[in-house]
All heavy atoms as atom14 arrays in JSON, in Angstrom:
{
  "sequence": "EQVGTLPAHASDSPIQHVVVIFQENHSFDNVLG",
  "atom14_mask": [
    [1, 1, 1, 1, 1, 1, 1, 1, 1, 0, 0, 0, 0, 0],
    [1, 1, 1, 1, 1, 1, 1, 1, 1, 0, 0, 0, 0, 0],
    [1, 1, 1, 1, 1, 1, 1, 0, 0, 0, 0, 0, 0, 0],
    [1, 1, 1, 1, 0, 0, 0, 0, 0, 0, 0, 0, 0, 0],
    [1, 1, 1, 1, 1, 1, 1, 0, 0, 0, 0, 0, 0, 0],
    [1, 1, 1, 1, 1, 1, 1, 1, 0, 0, 0, 0, 0, 0],
    [1, 1, 1, 1, 1, 1, 1, 0, 0, 0, 0, 0, 0, 0],
    [1, 1, 1, 1, 1, 0, 0, 0, 0, 0, 0, 0, 0, 0],
    [1, 1, 1, 1, 1, 1, 1, 1, 1, 1, 0, 0, 0, 0],
    [1, 1, 1, 1, 1, 0, 0, 0, 0, 0, 0, 0, 0, 0],
    [1, 1, 1, 1, 1, 1, 0, 0, 0, 0, 0, 0, 0, 0],
    [1, 1, 1, 1, 1, 1, 1, 1, 0, 0, 0, 0, 0, 0],
    [1, 1, 1, 1, 1, 1, 0, 0, 0, 0, 0, 0, 0, 0],
    [1, 1, 1, 1, 1, 1, 1, 0, 0, 0, 0, 0, 0, 0],
    [1, 1, 1, 1, 1, 1, 1, 1, 0, 0, 0, 0, 0, 0],
    [1, 1, 1, 1, 1, 1, 1, 1, 1, 0, 0, 0, 0, 0],
    [1, 1, 1, 1, 1, 1, 1, 1, 1, 1, 0, 0, 0, 0],
    [1, 1, 1, 1, 1, 1, 1, 0, 0, 0, 0, 0, 0, 0],
    [1, 1, 1, 1, 1, 1, 1, 0, 0, 0, 0, 0, 0, 0],
    [1, 1, 1, 1, 1, 1, 1, 0, 0, 0, 0, 0, 0, 0],
    [1, 1, 1, 1, 1, 1, 1, 1, 0, 0, 0, 0, 0, 0],
    [1, 1, 1, 1, 1, 1, 1, 1, 1, 1, 1, 0, 0, 0],
    [1, 1, 1, 1, 1, 1, 1, 1, 1, 0, 0, 0, 0, 0],
    [1, 1, 1, 1, 1, 1, 1, 1, 1, 0, 0, 0, 0, 0],
    [1, 1, 1, 1, 1, 1, 1, 1, 0, 0, 0, 0, 0, 0],
    [1, 1, 1, 1, 1, 1, 1, 1, 1, 1, 0, 0, 0, 0],
    [1, 1, 1, 1, 1, 1, 0, 0, 0, 0, 0, 0, 0, 0],
    [1, 1, 1, 1, 1, 1, 1, 1, 1, 1, 1, 0, 0, 0],
    [1, 1, 1, 1, 1, 1, 1, 1, 0, 0, 0, 0, 0, 0],
    [1, 1, 1, 1, 1, 1, 1, 1, 0, 0, 0, 0, 0, 0],
    [1, 1, 1, 1, 1, 1, 1, 0, 0, 0, 0, 0, 0, 0],
    [1, 1, 1, 1, 1, 1, 1, 1, 0, 0, 0, 0, 0, 0],
    [1, 1, 1, 1, 0, 0, 0, 0, 0, 0, 0, 0, 0, 0]
  ],
  "atom14_positions": [
    [[107.46, -19.34, -86.53], [107.76, -19.15, -85.1], [107.53, -17.7, -84.71], [107.92, -16.78, -85.42], [109.21, -19.55, -84.84], [109.61, -19.47, -83.37], [111.04, -19.91, -83.15], [111.62, -20.51, -84.08], [111.58, -19.65, -82.08], [0.0, 0.0, 0.0], [0.0, 0.0, 0.0], [0.0, 0.0, 0.0], [0.0, 0.0, 0.0], [0.0, 0.0, 0.0]],
    [[106.94, -17.49, -83.56], [106.67, -16.14, -83.1], [107.95, -15.5, -82.57], [108.82, -16.16, -82.02], [105.61, -16.14, -82.0], [104.25, -16.6, -82.51], [103.24, -16.6, -81.41], [103.4, -15.97, -80.39], [102.16, -17.33, -81.62], [0.0, 0.0, 0.0], [0.0, 0.0, 0.0], [0.0, 0.0, 0.0], [0.0, 0.0, 0.0], [0.0, 0.0, 0.0]],
    [[108.05, -14.21, -82.76], [109.21, -13.47, -82.29], [108.71, -12.37, -81.36], [107.9, -11.55, -81.76], [109.98, -12.84, -83.48], [111.17, -12.06, -82.95], [110.42, -13.91, -84.45], [0.0, 0.0, 0.0], [0.0, 0.0, 0.0], [0.0, 0.0, 0.0], [0.0, 0.0, 0.0], [0.0, 0.0, 0.0], [0.0, 0.0, 0.0], [0.0, 0.0, 0.0]],
    [[109.19, -12.35, -80.14], [108.76, -11.31, -79.24], [109.91, -10.56, -78.6], [109.72, -9.6, -77.88], [0.0, 0.0, 0.0], [0.0, 0.0, 0.0], [0.0, 0.0, 0.0], [0.0, 0.0, 0.0], [0.0, 0.0, 0.0], [0.0, 0.0, 0.0], [0.0, 0.0, 0.0], [0.0, 0.0, 0.0], [0.0, 0.0, 0.0], [0.0, 0.0, 0.0]],
    [[111.15, -11.03, -78.85], [112.28, -10.46, -78.12], [113.36, -9.91, -79.04], [114.38, -9.45, -78.55], [112.9, -11.54, -77.22], [113.29, -12.66, -78.02], [111.9, -11.99, -76.16], [0.0, 0.0, 0.0], [0.0, 0.0, 0.0], [0.0, 0.0, 0.0], [0.0, 0.0, 0.0], [0.0, 0.0, 0.0], [0.0, 0.0, 0.0], [0.0, 0.0, 0.0]],
    [[113.18, -9.98, -80.34], [114.19, -9.43, -81.23], [114.22, -7.91, -81.08], [113.2, -7.27, -80.89], [113.88, -9.79, -82.69], [114.03, -11.26, -83.08], [113.75, -11.41, -84.55], [115.41, -11.78, -82.75], [0.0, 0.0, 0.0], [0.0, 0.0, 0.0], [0.0, 0.0, 0.0], [0.0, 0.0, 0.0], [0.0, 0.0, 0.0], [0.0, 0.0, 0.0]],
    [[115.41, -7.3, -81.16], [115.49, -5.85, -81.01], [114.82, -5.13, -82.16], [114.96, -5.52, -83.32], [117.0, -5.57, -81.01], [117.6, -6.74, -81.73], [116.74, -7.91, -81.38], [0.0, 0.0, 0.0], [0.0, 0.0, 0.0], [0.0, 0.0, 0.0], [0.0, 0.0, 0.0], [0.0, 0.0, 0.0], [0.0, 0.0, 0.0], [0.0, 0.0, 0.0]],
    [[114.06, -4.1, -81.86], [113.47, -3.27, -82.9], [114.54, -2.35, -83.45], [115.59, -2.16, -82.86], [112.31, -2.45, -82.34], [0.0, 0.0, 0.0], [0.0, 0.0, 0.0], [0.0, 0.0, 0.0], [0.0, 0.0, 0.0], [0.0, 0.0, 0.0], [0.0, 0.0, 0.0], [0.0, 0.0, 0.0], [0.0, 0.0, 0.0], [0.0, 0.0, 0.0]],
    [[114.3, -1.76, -84.61], [115.25, -0.88, -85.26], [114.81, 0.56, -85.03], [113.78, 0.99, -85.54], [115.33, -1.2, -86.75], [115.79, -2.59, -87.01], [117.11, -2.93, -87.17], [115.1, -3.76, -87.12], [117.23, -4.22, -87.37], [116.02, -4.76, -87.35], [0.0, 0.0, 0.0], [0.0, 0.0, 0.0], [0.0, 0.0, 0.0], [0.0, 0.0, 0.0]],
    [[115.56, 1.3, -84.26], [115.21, 2.69, -83.97], [115.16, 3.49, -85.26], [115.9, 3.25, -86.2], [116.24, 3.29, -83.02], [0.0, 0.0, 0.0], [0.0, 0.0, 0.0], [0.0, 0.0, 0.0], [0.0, 0.0, 0.0], [0.0, 0.0, 0.0], [0.0, 0.0, 0.0], [0.0, 0.0, 0.0], [0.0, 0.0, 0.0], [0.0, 0.0, 0.0]],
    [[114.25, 4.43, -85.35], [114.05, 5.2, -86.57], [113.92, 6.67, -86.24], [113.25, 7.05, -85.29], [112.77, 4.71, -87.27], [112.46, 5.55, -88.36], [0.0, 0.0, 0.0], [0.0, 0.0, 0.0], [0.0, 0.0, 0.0], [0.0, 0.0, 0.0], [0.0, 0.0, 0.0], [0.0, 0.0, 0.0], [0.0, 0.0, 0.0], [0.0, 0.0, 0.0]],
    [[114.61, 7.48, -87.05], [114.43, 8.93, -86.93], [113.54, 9.44, -88.05], [113.57, 10.59, -88.43], [115.79, 9.65, -86.97], [116.6, 9.32, -88.23], [116.1, 8.57, -89.08], [117.73, 9.83, -88.33], [0.0, 0.0, 0.0], [0.0, 0.0, 0.0], [0.0, 0.0, 0.0], [0.0, 0.0, 0.0], [0.0, 0.0, 0.0], [0.0, 0.0, 0.0]],
    [[112.71, 8.57, -88.56], [111.81, 8.89, -89.67], [110.78, 9.93, -89.25], [110.28, 9.92, -88.12], [111.09, 7.62, -90.11], [109.98, 7.93, -90.92], [0.0, 0.0, 0.0], [0.0, 0.0, 0.0], [0.0, 0.0, 0.0], [0.0, 0.0, 0.0], [0.0, 0.0, 0.0], [0.0, 0.0, 0.0], [0.0, 0.0, 0.0], [0.0, 0.0, 0.0]],
    [[110.43, 10.85, -90.17], [109.34, 11.79, -89.89], [107.95, 11.17, -90.05], [106.95, 11.83, -89.78], [109.56, 12.88, -90.95], [110.2, 12.16, -92.09], [111.07, 11.1, -91.48], [0.0, 0.0, 0.0], [0.0, 0.0, 0.0], [0.0, 0.0, 0.0], [0.0, 0.0, 0.0], [0.0, 0.0, 0.0], [0.0, 0.0, 0.0], [0.0, 0.0, 0.0]],
    [[107.9, 9.91, -90.48], [106.61, 9.26, -90.7], [105.92, 8.98, -89.37], [106.49, 8.35, -88.48], [106.78, 7.96, -91.51], [107.39, 8.25, -92.88], [105.44, 7.24, -91.64], [106.58, 9.19, -93.74], [0.0, 0.0, 0.0], [0.0, 0.0, 0.0], [0.0, 0.0, 0.0], [0.0, 0.0, 0.0], [0.0, 0.0, 0.0], [0.0, 0.0, 0.0]],
    [[104.7, 9.45, -89.25], [103.89, 9.21, -88.06], [102.62, 8.42, -88.37], [101.92, 7.98, -87.45], [103.5, 10.54, -87.43], [104.68, 11.38, -86.96], [104.25, 12.75, -86.43], [103.11, 12.94, -86.0], [105.16, 13.71, -86.47], [0.0, 0.0, 0.0], [0.0, 0.0, 0.0], [0.0, 0.0, 0.0], [0.0, 0.0, 0.0], [0.0, 0.0, 0.0]],
    [[102.33, 8.25, -89.66], [101.1, 7.55, -90.07], [101.41, 6.64, -91.25], [102.0, 7.08, -92.25], [100.02, 8.55, -90.5], [99.8, 9.66, -89.53], [99.06, 9.51, -88.37], [100.25, 10.95, -89.52], [99.05, 10.65, -87.72], [99.76, 11.54, -88.39], [0.0, 0.0, 0.0], [0.0, 0.0, 0.0], [0.0, 0.0, 0.0], [0.0, 0.0, 0.0]],
    [[101.03, 5.37, -91.14], [101.13, 4.41, -92.23], [99.72, 4.02, -92.64], [98.92, 3.58, -91.8], [101.93, 3.16, -91.82], [101.91, 2.12, -92.93], [103.36, 3.54, -91.46], [0.0, 0.0, 0.0], [0.0, 0.0, 0.0], [0.0, 0.0, 0.0], [0.0, 0.0, 0.0], [0.0, 0.0, 0.0], [0.0, 0.0, 0.0], [0.0, 0.0, 0.0]],
    [[99.42, 4.19, -93.92], [98.09, 3.85, -94.45], [98.26, 2.82, -95.55], [99.0, 3.05, -96.52], [97.38, 5.1, -95.01], [96.02, 4.71, -95.6], [97.21, 6.16, -93.93], [0.0, 0.0, 0.0], [0.0, 0.0, 0.0], [0.0, 0.0, 0.0], [0.0, 0.0, 0.0], [0.0, 0.0, 0.0], [0.0, 0.0, 0.0], [0.0, 0.0, 0.0]],
    [[97.59, 1.69, -95.41], [97.61, 0.63, -96.42], [96.27, 0.61, -97.13], [95.23, 0.36, -96.5], [97.88, -0.75, -95.79], [97.99, -1.82, -96.88], [99.14, -0.72, -94.92], [0.0, 0.0, 0.0], [0.0, 0.0, 0.0], [0.0, 0.0, 0.0], [0.0, 0.0, 0.0], [0.0, 0.0, 0.0], [0.0, 0.0, 0.0], [0.0, 0.0, 0.0]],
    [[96.26, 0.94, -98.41], [95.04, 0.83, -99.23], [95.09, -0.54, -99.9], [95.92, -0.79, -100.77], [94.97, 1.97, -100.27], [94.96, 3.33, -99.56], [93.74, 1.81, -101.15], [94.98, 4.52, -100.52], [0.0, 0.0, 0.0], [0.0, 0.0, 0.0], [0.0, 0.0, 0.0], [0.0, 0.0, 0.0], [0.0, 0.0, 0.0], [0.0, 0.0, 0.0]],
    [[94.2, -1.42, -99.46], [94.27, -2.85, -99.83], [93.14, -3.17, -100.79], [92.01, -3.42, -100.39], [94.17, -3.69, -98.56], [94.87, -5.02, -98.63], [96.04, -5.19, -99.35], [94.36, -6.11, -97.94], [96.68, -6.41, -99.38], [95.0, -7.34, -97.96], [96.17, -7.5, -98.68], [0.0, 0.0, 0.0], [0.0, 0.0, 0.0], [0.0, 0.0, 0.0]],
    [[93.47, -3.15, -102.08], [92.5, -3.42, -103.14], [92.45, -4.91, -103.46], [93.13, -5.72, -102.84], [92.85, -2.58, -104.37], [92.75, -1.06, -104.15], [91.33, -0.59, -103.94], [90.96, -0.26, -102.8], [90.52, -0.55, -104.99], [0.0, 0.0, 0.0], [0.0, 0.0, 0.0], [0.0, 0.0, 0.0], [0.0, 0.0, 0.0], [0.0, 0.0, 0.0]],
    [[91.65, -5.27, -104.46], [91.36, -6.67, -104.73], [91.86, -7.14, -106.11], [91.61, -6.5, -107.13], [89.84, -6.9, -104.69], [89.22, -6.87, -103.3], [89.53, -8.11, -102.52], [89.43, -9.23, -103.07], [89.89, -7.99, -101.34], [0.0, 0.0, 0.0], [0.0, 0.0, 0.0], [0.0, 0.0, 0.0], [0.0, 0.0, 0.0], [0.0, 0.0, 0.0]],
    [[92.61, -8.23, -106.12], [92.67, -9.18, -107.24], [93.25, -8.68, -108.55], [92.59, -8.77, -109.59], [91.26, -9.72, -107.5], [90.67, -10.46, -106.33], [91.22, -10.42, -105.23], [89.56, -11.13, -106.54], [0.0, 0.0, 0.0], [0.0, 0.0, 0.0], [0.0, 0.0, 0.0], [0.0, 0.0, 0.0], [0.0, 0.0, 0.0], [0.0, 0.0, 0.0]],
    [[94.5, -8.24, -108.53], [95.17, -7.9, -109.78], [96.66, -8.17, -109.66], [97.28, -7.92, -108.62], [94.96, -6.42, -110.13], [93.55, -6.1, -110.51], [93.06, -6.26, -111.79], [92.51, -5.67, -109.76], [91.79, -5.91, -111.82], [91.42, -5.56, -110.59], [0.0, 0.0, 0.0], [0.0, 0.0, 0.0], [0.0, 0.0, 0.0], [0.0, 0.0, 0.0]],
    [[97.25, -8.64, -110.75], [98.69, -8.85, -110.82], [99.39, -7.56, -111.24], [98.75, -6.61, -111.72], [99.01, -9.96, -111.81], [98.77, -9.52, -113.14], [0.0, 0.0, 0.0], [0.0, 0.0, 0.0], [0.0, 0.0, 0.0], [0.0, 0.0, 0.0], [0.0, 0.0, 0.0], [0.0, 0.0, 0.0], [0.0, 0.0, 0.0], [0.0, 0.0, 0.0]],
    [[100.71, -7.57, -111.13], [101.49, -6.38, -111.48], [101.35, -6.05, -112.96], [101.04, -4.91, -113.33], [102.96, -6.59, -111.12], [103.8, -5.36, -111.36], [104.0, -4.45, -110.35], [104.37, -5.11, -112.6], [104.76, -3.3, -110.57], [105.13, -3.98, -112.83], [105.32, -3.06, -111.81], [0.0, 0.0, 0.0], [0.0, 0.0, 0.0], [0.0, 0.0, 0.0]],
    [[101.58, -7.03, -113.83], [101.5, -6.74, -115.27], [100.11, -6.3, -115.69], [99.96, -5.5, -116.61], [101.92, -7.97, -116.09], [103.43, -8.11, -116.2], [104.14, -7.1, -116.07], [103.9, -9.25, -116.41], [0.0, 0.0, 0.0], [0.0, 0.0, 0.0], [0.0, 0.0, 0.0], [0.0, 0.0, 0.0], [0.0, 0.0, 0.0], [0.0, 0.0, 0.0]],
    [[99.1, -6.8, -115.02], [97.73, -6.43, -115.35], [97.45, -4.96, -115.06], [96.69, -4.31, -115.79], [96.76, -7.33, -114.56], [95.31, -7.01, -114.81], [94.61, -6.54, -113.91], [94.83, -7.28, -116.01], [0.0, 0.0, 0.0], [0.0, 0.0, 0.0], [0.0, 0.0, 0.0], [0.0, 0.0, 0.0], [0.0, 0.0, 0.0], [0.0, 0.0, 0.0]],
    [[98.07, -4.41, -114.02], [97.8, -3.03, -113.61], [98.89, -2.05, -114.04], [98.59, -0.96, -114.53], [97.58, -2.96, -112.08], [97.45, -1.52, -111.6], [96.35, -3.76, -111.68], [0.0, 0.0, 0.0], [0.0, 0.0, 0.0], [0.0, 0.0, 0.0], [0.0, 0.0, 0.0], [0.0, 0.0, 0.0], [0.0, 0.0, 0.0], [0.0, 0.0, 0.0]],
    [[100.14, -2.43, -113.88], [101.24, -1.49, -114.11], [102.18, -1.89, -115.24], [103.1, -1.13, -115.58], [102.04, -1.3, -112.82], [101.29, -0.64, -111.66], [102.16, -0.63, -110.4], [100.85, 0.77, -112.01], [0.0, 0.0, 0.0], [0.0, 0.0, 0.0], [0.0, 0.0, 0.0], [0.0, 0.0, 0.0], [0.0, 0.0, 0.0], [0.0, 0.0, 0.0]],
    [[101.97, -3.06, -115.82], [102.88, -3.52, -116.86], [102.95, -2.57, -118.05], [104.04, -2.28, -118.57], [0.0, 0.0, 0.0], [0.0, 0.0, 0.0], [0.0, 0.0, 0.0], [0.0, 0.0, 0.0], [0.0, 0.0, 0.0], [0.0, 0.0, 0.0], [0.0, 0.0, 0.0], [0.0, 0.0, 0.0], [0.0, 0.0, 0.0], [0.0, 0.0, 0.0]]
  ]
}
C-alpha cells in the first residue's frame, strides 16, 4: 500500500548527500564472511 501522509521524521543530521554504490551478485559470507 502506498503511503503519502505519514509524518516524516525531522533530522538534525549533518548528512547532505546519500550515495548508494550498487554492485552485482554476492552474498554476505562470500564477500565479508
